[in-house]
Amino acid sequence: MKERFKITPASYVFLFNDKNEVLLSLRQNSGYRDGEYQVPAGHVEDHESFAQCAVRELQEEANVETKIEDLKLVHVLHRLEGDKEESDKKMRQRLDVFFTAQNWSGEINNNEPHKCVELRWFPLDNLPDNIFPYVRFVLEQYQKGIMFSETGFQN
């Protein structure tokens, strides 16, 4: 029997403070986009929903507690990622689901210093140059009220 196509699912959380700044983490030692900023995020695990993943990742990465009912879906990004020049086999499809946490508690803390240099708040109109390009793109879409995007696919 032919193996079915697989897609990589991940959840992301835009966490805002009372100044409408977004929380970003600077990656290190992960092997993926080290030296770039990202929002709290992670791959969905087996038998885990996108919302459950978002709640878990916020706690694991930033020491933030929230509930599933306090998450608001703000964007879905379907993207093709990888090195097109090398081989189609290196290309991966991803489904990224972005939330905001309407209510949250806890003192922000870098719970994963082995993978994160720092957690820092940034104004939406002054994001760092070294932010994941697709996260910058989705933050722009979010500000425009656009809830779905596709990128990396040929027309």
Protein backbone atom coordinates (compact mmCIF):
# COMPACT_ATOMS: atom_id res chain seq x y z
CA MET A 1 0.00 0.00 0.00
CA LYS A 2 1.27 3.44 -0.91
CA GLU A 3 2.29 5.59 2.04
CA ARG A 4 0.01 8.58 2.53
CA PHE A 5 1.16 12.14 2.22
CA LYS A 6 2.13 13.76 5.56
CA ILE A 7 1.98 17.35 6.72
CA THR A 8 3.74 18.89 9.74
CA PRO A 9 1.28 20.61 12.12
CA ALA A 10 2.37 23.34 14.54
CA SER A 11 0.76 25.85 16.91
CA TYR A 12 1.94 29.40 17.54
CA VAL A 13 0.81 31.98 20.10
CA PHE A 14 0.90 35.75 19.78
CA LEU A 15 1.12 36.90 23.38
CA PHE A 16 0.58 40.64 23.88
CA ASN A 17 1.22 42.83 26.89
CA ASP A 18 -0.78 45.93 27.91
CA LYS A 19 1.33 48.06 25.51
CA ASN A 20 0.28 45.83 22.58
CA GLU A 21 3.81 44.49 22.26
CA VAL A 22 4.30 40.89 21.14
CA LEU A 23 6.50 38.41 23.02
CA LEU A 24 9.34 36.98 20.93
CA SER A 25 12.03 34.43 21.74
CA LEU A 26 15.52 34.42 20.23
CA ARG A 27 16.43 30.85 19.19
CA GLN A 28 19.76 29.12 19.80
CA ASN A 29 21.14 25.55 19.62
CA SER A 30 18.00 24.18 17.97
CA GLY A 31 19.32 23.55 14.47
CA TYR A 32 16.43 25.50 12.94
CA ARG A 33 16.69 29.25 12.32
CA ASP A 34 19.02 29.83 15.24
CA GLY A 35 19.71 33.54 15.78
CA GLU A 36 16.17 34.50 14.73
CA TYR A 37 13.15 35.56 16.75
CA GLN A 38 10.01 33.46 16.98
CA VAL A 39 6.81 33.44 19.04
CA PRO A 40 6.06 30.62 21.52
CA ALA A 41 5.35 27.64 19.30
CA GLY A 42 5.81 23.96 18.74
CA HIS A 43 4.81 20.87 16.81
CA VAL A 44 1.51 19.25 17.62
CA GLU A 45 2.13 15.91 19.31
CA ASP A 46 0.30 12.64 18.68
CA HIS A 47 -3.31 12.81 19.97
CA GLU A 48 -2.94 16.53 20.79
CA SER A 49 -5.10 19.32 19.36
CA PHE A 50 -3.71 22.59 18.01
CA ALA A 51 -5.17 24.41 21.04
CA GLN A 52 -3.74 21.91 23.53
CA CYS A 53 -0.35 22.32 21.87
CA ALA A 54 -0.55 26.12 22.16
CA VAL A 55 -1.37 25.94 25.89
CA ARG A 56 1.46 23.45 26.47
CA GLU A 57 4.06 25.41 24.51
CA LEU A 58 3.26 28.69 26.30
CA GLN A 59 3.83 26.99 29.65
CA GLU A 60 6.93 25.08 28.54
CA GLU A 61 8.66 28.00 26.84
CA ALA A 62 7.54 31.14 28.65
CA ASN A 63 6.05 30.06 32.02
CA VAL A 64 2.63 31.36 30.94
CA GLU A 65 -0.64 29.71 31.94
CA THR A 66 -3.73 30.01 29.77
CA LYS A 67 -6.80 27.93 29.05
CA ILE A 68 -8.03 26.59 25.74
CA GLU A 69 -11.14 28.75 26.01
CA ASP A 70 -8.91 31.84 26.29
CA LEU A 71 -7.25 31.15 22.94
CA LYS A 72 -8.52 32.94 19.86
CA LEU A 73 -7.71 31.61 16.40
CA VAL A 74 -6.21 34.47 14.37
CA HIS A 75 -4.53 32.87 11.35
CA VAL A 76 -3.92 29.60 9.53
CA LEU A 77 -0.87 29.36 7.28
CA HIS A 78 -0.42 26.47 4.83
CA ARG A 79 3.14 26.61 3.55
CA LEU A 80 5.63 24.67 1.51
CA GLU A 81 9.10 24.93 2.98
CA GLY A 82 12.52 23.67 2.05
CA ASP A 83 15.27 23.83 -0.52
CA LYS A 84 13.61 23.79 -3.94
CA GLU A 85 16.97 23.73 -5.69
CA GLU A 86 18.20 20.51 -4.06
CA SER A 87 15.26 18.16 -4.37
CA ASP A 88 11.50 18.00 -4.12
CA LYS A 89 12.04 15.39 -1.39
CA LYS A 90 13.49 18.11 0.84
CA MET A 91 10.32 20.17 0.55
CA ARG A 92 7.85 19.84 3.43
CA GLN A 93 4.29 21.01 3.75
CA ARG A 94 3.37 22.61 7.04
CA LEU A 95 0.09 23.67 8.56
CA ASP A 96 0.66 26.45 11.10
CA VAL A 97 -2.18 27.58 13.35
CA PHE A 98 -1.77 30.93 15.10
CA PHE A 99 -3.63 31.99 18.24
CA THR A 100 -3.69 34.91 20.62
CA ALA A 101 -4.16 34.27 24.32
CA GLN A 102 -6.96 36.57 25.48
CA ASN A 103 -6.27 35.93 29.17
CA TRP A 104 -3.07 34.58 30.63
CA SER A 105 -1.20 34.54 33.90
CA GLY A 106 2.28 33.88 35.18
CA GLU A 107 5.54 35.74 35.27
CA ILE A 108 7.27 35.59 31.90
CA ASN A 109 10.36 33.43 32.21
CA ASN A 110 12.71 31.78 29.73
CA ASN A 111 12.08 28.15 30.69
CA GLU A 112 14.26 26.82 27.87
CA PRO A 113 17.59 28.71 28.05
CA HIS A 114 19.29 25.83 26.20
CA LYS A 115 17.14 26.69 23.14
CA CYS A 116 16.37 30.38 23.72
CA VAL A 117 18.74 33.31 24.34
CA GLU A 118 16.00 35.64 25.58
CA LEU A 119 12.30 36.44 25.69
CA ARG A 120 11.57 40.04 24.81
CA TRP A 121 8.58 42.29 24.04
CA PHE A 122 8.53 44.12 20.70
CA PRO A 123 6.11 46.75 19.35
CA LEU A 124 4.30 45.48 16.25
CA ASP A 125 5.58 48.46 14.28
CA ASN A 126 9.20 47.81 15.30
CA LEU A 127 9.85 44.08 14.94
CA PRO A 128 13.46 42.90 14.77
CA ASP A 129 15.00 42.31 11.34
CA ASN A 130 15.94 38.77 12.36
CA ILE A 131 12.42 37.46 12.94
CA PHE A 132 11.23 34.30 11.16
CA PRO A 133 9.99 35.66 7.79
CA TYR A 134 6.74 33.71 7.92
CA VAL A 135 6.03 34.92 11.49
CA ARG A 136 6.50 38.54 10.33
CA PHE A 137 4.18 37.79 7.40
CA VAL A 138 1.49 36.32 9.67
CA LEU A 139 1.74 39.23 12.13
CA GLU A 140 1.10 41.55 9.16
CA GLN A 141 -1.86 39.41 8.05
CA TYR A 142 -3.19 39.38 11.62
CA GLN A 143 -3.10 43.19 11.77
CA LYS A 144 -5.10 43.30 8.52
CA GLY A 145 -7.67 40.81 9.84
CA ILE A 146 -6.71 38.17 7.26
CA MET A 147 -7.20 34.69 8.71
CA PHE A 148 -5.82 32.33 6.03
CA SER A 149 -2.75 32.30 3.78
CA GLU A 150 -0.85 29.90 1.57
CA THR A 151 2.77 30.38 0.58
CA GLY A 152 5.50 28.52 -1.30
CA PHE A 153 3.22 26.78 -3.76
CA GLN A 154 3.42 27.27 -7.52
CA ASN A 155 0.34 28.56 -9.28
